[in-house]
């Protein structure tokens, strides 16, 4: 589960760089939205992985 969390974090960071830096102007709004979605998925998977490992 930690691998998925790290993958989601990397995807969120890359999308954030593209979206908030304005590198690709036309798709910046989509990248910003996807940044928040993947960041939320990262946090959720991080907590689910932590709860699963303590059992």
Foldseek 3Di string as FASTA:
>chain_A
DVVLLVVLVVLLVVLCCCQVVCPPVVCNVVSVVSSVVSVVVSVVVVVVVVVVVVD
